[in-house]
Protein backbone atom coordinates (compact mmCIF):
# COMPACT_ATOMS: atom_id res chain seq x y z
CA GLU A 1 91.06 168.37 60.52
CA TYR A 2 87.12 168.99 59.47
CA LYS A 3 84.90 166.95 57.28
CA TYR A 4 81.88 167.86 55.14
CA LEU A 5 79.97 164.70 55.78
CA VAL A 6 76.66 166.09 55.50
CA PRO A 7 75.21 169.51 53.47
CA GLY A 8 75.44 172.30 55.92
CA CYS A 9 77.59 170.87 58.86
CA HIS A 10 81.01 170.63 59.74
CA TYR A 11 82.24 168.04 62.13
CA PHE A 12 85.59 167.90 64.00
CA ILE A 13 87.04 164.41 64.15
CA ASP A 14 89.26 164.31 67.42
CA ARG A 15 92.53 161.84 68.06
CA LYS A 16 89.67 159.17 68.72
CA ARG A 17 87.76 159.66 65.74
CA ARG A 18 84.80 160.46 67.65
CA MET A 19 82.48 163.37 66.27
CA THR A 20 81.68 165.79 68.00
CA ASP A 21 78.88 167.78 66.30
CA LYS A 22 79.42 171.83 65.39
CA CYS A 23 76.26 171.81 63.86
CA MET A 24 73.91 168.70 65.41
CA LYS A 25 73.31 165.63 63.30
CA PRO A 26 69.52 164.60 63.23
CA THR A 27 67.75 161.82 64.11
CA VAL A 28 65.56 159.94 61.47
CA THR A 29 62.97 160.97 63.65
CA GLU A 30 64.07 164.77 63.56
CA LEU A 31 64.26 164.96 59.89
CA PHE A 32 61.36 163.78 58.68
CA THR A 33 58.64 165.51 61.14
CA LYS A 34 60.62 168.50 61.96
CA LYS A 35 61.95 169.44 58.35
CA SER A 36 60.45 170.77 55.50
CA GLU A 37 60.17 168.29 52.09
CA GLU A 38 62.86 170.99 50.60
CA GLN A 39 65.53 170.70 53.33
CA ILE A 40 64.74 166.89 53.69
CA ARG A 41 65.55 166.23 49.90
CA SER A 42 68.58 168.51 49.80
CA PHE A 43 70.07 166.92 53.11
CA LEU A 44 69.44 163.31 50.93
CA GLY A 45 70.71 164.98 47.97
CA GLY A 46 73.75 163.75 48.14
CA ILE A 47 73.42 160.00 49.19
CA TYR A 48 73.74 158.96 45.64
CA GLU A 49 76.50 160.61 43.95
CA HIS A 50 75.56 163.40 42.00
CA SER A 51 72.04 162.22 41.82
CA SER A 52 69.83 164.04 43.57
CA TRP A 53 66.82 162.30 41.61
CA VAL A 54 66.57 159.48 44.19
CA ALA A 55 66.22 161.78 47.15
CA GLU A 56 63.44 163.34 44.40
CA GLY A 57 61.53 160.37 44.17
CA LEU A 58 60.96 159.90 47.93
CA ASP A 59 57.89 159.81 48.66
CA LEU A 60 57.28 161.86 52.00
CA SER A 61 54.02 160.78 52.52
CA VAL A 62 54.39 156.86 53.88
CA SER A 63 55.78 158.22 56.92
CA ASP A 64 55.63 154.58 58.82
CA ALA A 65 58.76 153.42 56.61
CA LEU A 66 60.72 156.41 57.09
CA THR A 67 61.15 156.05 60.99
CA THR A 68 64.96 154.02 61.12
CA ILE A 69 67.75 154.77 58.95
CA THR A 70 67.12 151.37 57.51
CA GLY A 71 64.17 152.31 56.20
CA VAL A 72 65.50 155.58 54.75
CA ALA A 73 68.44 153.13 52.97
CA ASP A 74 65.52 150.63 51.63
CA ALA A 75 63.15 153.67 50.17
CA MET A 76 66.05 155.24 48.29
CA LYS A 77 67.38 151.75 47.16
CA GLU A 78 63.62 150.98 45.98
CA ILE A 79 63.97 154.32 43.72
CA VAL A 80 67.17 153.11 42.19
CA GLU A 81 66.01 149.64 41.33
CA ALA A 82 62.55 151.24 39.47
CA ALA A 83 65.02 152.97 37.29
CA ASP A 84 65.56 151.76 33.67
CA ALA A 85 68.74 150.48 32.93
CA GLU A 86 69.62 153.89 31.29
CA LYS A 87 69.24 155.89 34.54
CA LYS A 88 71.46 153.46 36.07
CA LEU A 89 74.05 153.87 33.91
CA GLU A 90 73.88 157.53 34.33
CA LEU A 91 74.26 156.81 38.09
CA LEU A 92 77.24 154.24 37.84
CA LYS A 93 78.89 157.01 35.72
CA ALA A 94 78.40 159.68 37.85
CA HIS A 95 81.03 157.89 40.42
CA PRO A 96 84.68 158.98 40.07
CA ASP A 97 86.89 156.24 39.56
CA LEU A 98 88.30 155.09 42.42
CA CYS A 99 92.39 156.23 42.85
CA GLU A 100 92.07 159.69 41.08
CA LYS A 101 95.62 161.15 41.36
CA VAL A 102 96.42 163.99 44.18
CA SER A 103 96.00 166.68 41.40
CA LYS A 104 92.12 165.88 40.63
CA ILE A 105 91.20 164.93 44.32
CA GLN A 106 89.44 168.85 44.78
CA GLU A 107 87.17 167.48 41.87
CA LEU A 108 85.18 164.87 44.25
CA THR A 109 82.38 165.38 46.35
CA ASP A 110 83.55 166.06 49.79
CA GLU A 111 81.72 162.16 50.80
CA SER A 112 84.03 160.59 48.25
CA ARG A 113 86.82 162.40 48.74
CA LEU A 114 86.58 161.30 52.38
CA GLU A 115 85.81 157.91 51.74
CA GLN A 116 88.62 157.81 49.29
CA SER A 117 91.00 158.84 52.06
CA ASN A 118 89.79 156.59 54.26
CA ALA A 119 91.18 153.45 52.02
CA ASP A 120 94.63 155.34 51.67
CA LEU A 121 93.87 155.24 47.96
CA GLN A 122 96.33 157.88 47.43
CA SER A 123 99.04 156.08 48.88
CA LEU A 124 99.47 153.40 45.88
CA THR A 125 103.39 152.80 45.14
CA GLU A 126 104.33 153.34 41.67
CA GLN A 127 104.01 149.71 41.03
CA GLU A 128 100.57 149.38 42.52
CA LEU A 129 99.37 152.49 40.50
CA ASP A 130 100.95 150.92 37.36
CA LYS A 131 98.91 147.93 38.12
CA PHE A 132 95.64 149.37 39.21
CA THR A 133 95.92 151.90 35.80
CA THR A 134 96.18 148.43 33.60
CA MET A 135 93.30 147.07 34.96
CA ASN A 136 91.01 150.12 35.74
CA ASN A 137 91.60 150.79 31.93
CA SER A 138 90.51 147.54 30.90
CA TYR A 139 87.43 147.51 33.00
CA LYS A 140 86.12 150.97 31.93
CA HIS A 141 87.02 149.40 27.99
CA LYS A 142 85.23 146.14 29.21
CA PHE A 143 81.88 147.32 30.74
CA GLY A 144 81.74 151.21 29.97
CA PHE A 145 81.24 152.44 33.18
CA PRO A 146 83.71 152.72 36.08
CA PHE A 147 85.21 150.63 38.79
CA ILE A 148 82.96 151.10 41.79
CA LEU A 149 83.87 149.96 45.63
CA ALA A 150 82.42 150.58 48.92
CA VAL A 151 85.98 151.70 50.14
CA ARG A 152 85.39 153.72 53.11
CA ASN A 153 86.18 150.46 55.27
CA ALA A 154 88.53 148.95 52.66
CA THR A 155 92.08 148.91 52.21
CA LYS A 156 94.18 149.28 49.33
CA TYR A 157 94.84 145.69 49.31
CA THR A 158 90.93 144.85 49.21
CA VAL A 159 90.08 147.29 46.04
CA LEU A 160 93.32 145.90 43.56
CA SER A 161 92.01 142.01 44.80
CA ALA A 162 88.42 143.58 44.05
CA LEU A 163 89.41 144.74 40.56
CA GLU A 164 91.02 142.13 39.19
CA GLY A 165 88.53 139.61 40.03
CA ARG A 166 85.61 141.18 39.24
CA LEU A 167 87.58 142.13 35.43
CA THR A 168 86.72 138.83 34.57
CA SER A 169 82.73 139.20 34.89
CA SER A 170 80.28 139.16 32.03
CA ARG A 171 78.44 142.87 31.70
CA GLU A 172 75.21 142.07 33.25
CA ALA A 173 76.84 140.29 36.49
CA GLU A 174 79.57 143.46 36.61
CA PHE A 175 76.57 146.04 36.60
CA ARG A 176 74.55 144.85 38.57
CA GLN A 177 77.72 143.88 41.20
CA ALA A 178 78.13 147.60 40.60
CA ILE A 179 74.57 148.53 41.36
CA VAL A 180 75.20 146.66 44.68
CA GLN A 181 78.27 148.57 45.12
CA VAL A 182 76.49 151.95 44.60
CA HIS A 183 73.71 150.52 47.39
CA LYS A 184 76.64 149.90 49.86
CA ILE A 185 77.96 153.37 49.70
CA ALA A 186 74.88 155.56 50.09
CA TRP A 187 74.10 153.27 53.16
CA MET A 188 77.53 154.03 54.44
CA ARG A 189 76.62 158.30 54.20
CA LEU A 190 73.35 158.16 55.61
CA LEU A 191 75.59 156.25 58.67
CA ALA A 192 77.90 159.19 58.63
CA ALA A 193 74.84 161.64 57.90
CA PHE A 194 72.22 160.57 60.63
CA ASN A 195 72.69 160.63 64.49
CA THR A 196 71.15 157.23 65.37
CA GLU A 197 71.31 157.31 68.98
CA ASP A 198 67.70 156.25 68.74
CA ALA A 199 68.17 153.19 67.26
CA LYS A 200 67.26 149.83 68.94
CA GLY A 201 70.06 147.76 68.04
CA PHE A 202 71.60 145.26 70.26
CA LEU A 203 74.35 142.56 70.61
CA THR A 204 74.17 139.31 72.35
CA CYS A 205 76.31 136.16 72.90
CA HIS A 206 75.68 132.09 73.77
CA ILE A 207 78.72 130.19 74.20
CA LEU A 208 78.44 126.23 73.51
CA ASP A 209 81.10 123.43 74.52
CA THR A 210 81.23 120.99 72.25
CA ALA A 211 83.39 119.10 73.36
CA ASN A 212 81.08 118.17 77.04
CA GLY A 213 78.20 118.40 75.04
CA CYS A 214 76.50 121.83 77.21
CA PRO A 215 76.39 125.13 77.65
CA ALA A 216 79.75 126.49 78.58
CA ALA A 217 78.82 128.07 81.77
CA LYS A 218 81.38 130.52 83.54
CA MET A 219 83.46 131.18 81.02
CA ARG A 220 84.99 134.50 81.30
CA ILE A 221 84.67 136.40 78.25
CA GLN A 222 85.73 140.61 77.92
CA LEU A 223 84.13 142.79 74.52
CA HIS A 224 87.02 145.79 73.52
CA ARG A 225 85.64 148.36 70.07
CA PHE A 226 88.30 149.60 68.08
CA ILE A 227 88.68 153.32 68.18
CA SER A 228 91.28 153.91 65.08
CA GLY A 229 93.86 150.96 63.67
CA SER A 230 95.11 148.74 66.10
CA THR A 231 93.51 151.16 69.22
CA LYS A 232 90.82 149.74 71.10
CA GLU A 233 88.68 150.83 74.43
CA PHE A 234 87.50 148.17 77.05
CA ILE A 235 83.52 148.05 77.00
CA GLY A 236 83.12 145.44 79.95
CA GLU A 237 84.09 141.52 81.04
CA TYR A 238 81.43 139.03 81.53
CA THR A 239 81.02 135.51 82.76
CA THR A 240 78.27 133.21 81.41
CA ASN A 241 75.61 131.70 82.98
CA HIS A 242 74.51 128.08 83.14
CA ASP A 243 72.95 128.47 79.83
CA GLY A 244 76.57 129.93 78.45
CA ARG A 245 74.65 133.43 77.97
CA ILE A 246 75.31 136.58 79.53
CA ALA A 247 73.32 137.14 82.40
CA GLY A 248 71.04 140.48 82.18
CA GLY A 249 69.90 140.59 78.64
CA PRO A 250 72.17 142.45 75.88
CA VAL A 251 75.43 143.51 76.34
CA LEU A 252 75.02 146.57 73.88
CA LYS A 253 71.28 147.86 73.78
CA GLY A 254 70.11 150.94 72.07
CA GLY A 255 71.85 153.61 69.87
CA LYS A 256 73.80 155.05 72.59
CA GLU A 257 75.87 152.06 73.13
CA PHE A 258 75.46 149.77 70.11
CA ILE A 259 77.71 152.02 67.59
CA VAL A 260 78.74 151.25 63.91
CA GLY A 261 82.35 149.68 64.21
CA THR A 262 84.89 146.88 64.91
CA TYR A 263 84.75 144.86 67.89
CA GLU A 264 86.51 141.72 69.77
CA TRP A 265 84.93 139.67 72.16
CA THR A 266 88.09 137.88 73.94
CA PHE A 267 86.86 134.25 75.41
CA TYR A 268 89.28 132.72 77.83
CA ALA A 269 88.64 129.07 76.73
CA GLY A 270 91.48 127.54 78.52
CA ASP A 271 90.50 128.62 82.05
CA TYR A 272 87.20 127.41 81.20
CA PHE A 273 87.59 124.07 80.07
CA ALA A 274 90.39 123.90 83.02
CA SER A 275 87.42 124.31 85.89
CA LYS A 276 85.96 121.76 84.22
CA GLY A 277 88.36 118.64 84.46
CA THR A 278 88.65 118.35 80.12
CA PHE A 279 91.90 117.63 78.83
CA ILE A 280 94.09 120.22 77.68
CA SER A 281 97.52 120.07 76.26
CA GLY A 282 100.36 121.20 78.59
CA MET A 283 100.67 123.82 75.75
CA PRO A 284 96.72 124.58 75.09
CA PHE A 285 95.94 124.57 71.59
CA LEU A 286 93.57 126.87 72.46
CA ASP A 287 93.46 129.07 75.29
CA ILE A 288 92.59 132.68 74.48
CA ILE A 289 90.49 133.09 71.31
CA PRO A 290 89.18 136.81 70.25
CA ILE A 291 86.86 137.53 67.65
CA ARG A 292 86.87 140.31 65.75
CA PHE A 293 83.17 141.59 63.94
CA GLY A 294 81.96 144.39 62.59
CA ILE A 295 78.45 146.05 63.69
CA ASP A 296 77.10 147.82 60.10
CA ASN A 297 73.02 148.56 61.23
CA PRO A 298 72.25 149.92 64.48
CA ASP A 299 68.80 148.79 63.67
CA ASP A 300 69.47 145.14 63.92
CA HIS A 301 70.20 142.31 66.28
CA TYR A 302 73.54 141.23 66.38
CA HIS A 303 74.45 137.58 67.83
CA VAL A 304 77.78 136.30 67.91
CA PRO A 305 78.15 132.73 69.18
CA LEU A 306 80.93 130.62 70.11
CA LEU A 307 81.27 126.60 69.68
CA VAL A 308 83.88 125.61 70.98
CA SER A 309 86.28 122.94 72.56
CA PRO A 310 90.29 122.49 73.28
CA TRP A 311 91.05 121.93 69.69
CA ASN A 312 88.78 124.02 67.27
CA PHE A 313 86.11 126.54 67.31
CA SER A 314 83.53 128.01 65.40
CA THR A 315 81.24 131.37 65.08
CA TYR A 316 78.57 133.00 62.87
CA ARG A 317 76.58 136.01 62.94
CA GLY A 318 73.36 134.36 64.61
CA SER A 319 70.03 136.32 65.23
């Protein structure tokens, strides 16, 4: 199947959901150094739904700020944030209602059609659709603009839960939340539009043994990347050094390795505590610990540490 993610370009998505270019996606540097002003604004014109004025407002003379996908996103976001309330309301109203009926799906932009199909919003049961329709009508009547949620990586259950929760908001708070969602949608579209192989993001890990008060040296860990659904590919197996870190620095480094998506660390904590002589029960309470996490920005450093004992663990996004 073909998806139109970038104006003028067709991409084929294979069974592993890997992107194969039929015309090459540009890096940020290539777009802003090799394309004309008209081509740049045309390329970015659909990032904000039916709102080409955002791309038209970019100051292309500020070259230092437009060297990464984060920089482009920030520059476009600033244009929206500087707009008056009436212009922002027009932007919100430019978005389609979520869960459009199949008969109306062709009215959506290519980007919106892909986003909604990824969330499987066309598979709502009759009961779910009735609930959504009732809440959606109440939302539009209360706030005066459509319910907006970045659904590319969400499910229909996420959509229904978010709508139900946000119905209780004040108009001021919901207006702000809707704009936040619009920026999130724009970010996801930028990720789909650009080749990020020149990005500088990387992934690191650090394990601390809270039972013995020391770094967890010589713990075996594995890293997988999810390709689609529950299917995942093996990236590598590592053993922590004396400081509880992976020797050699980042596991994933740079845009060719550090790809936006869902990943999973697997920590073999039971084996580690056995090697330390730390008491563990006959049936270990914690043995193999999987931690699934998402990488959303190819420019960032993602640090995913583990604090662990035989009885508890915690993690967070560090820096």
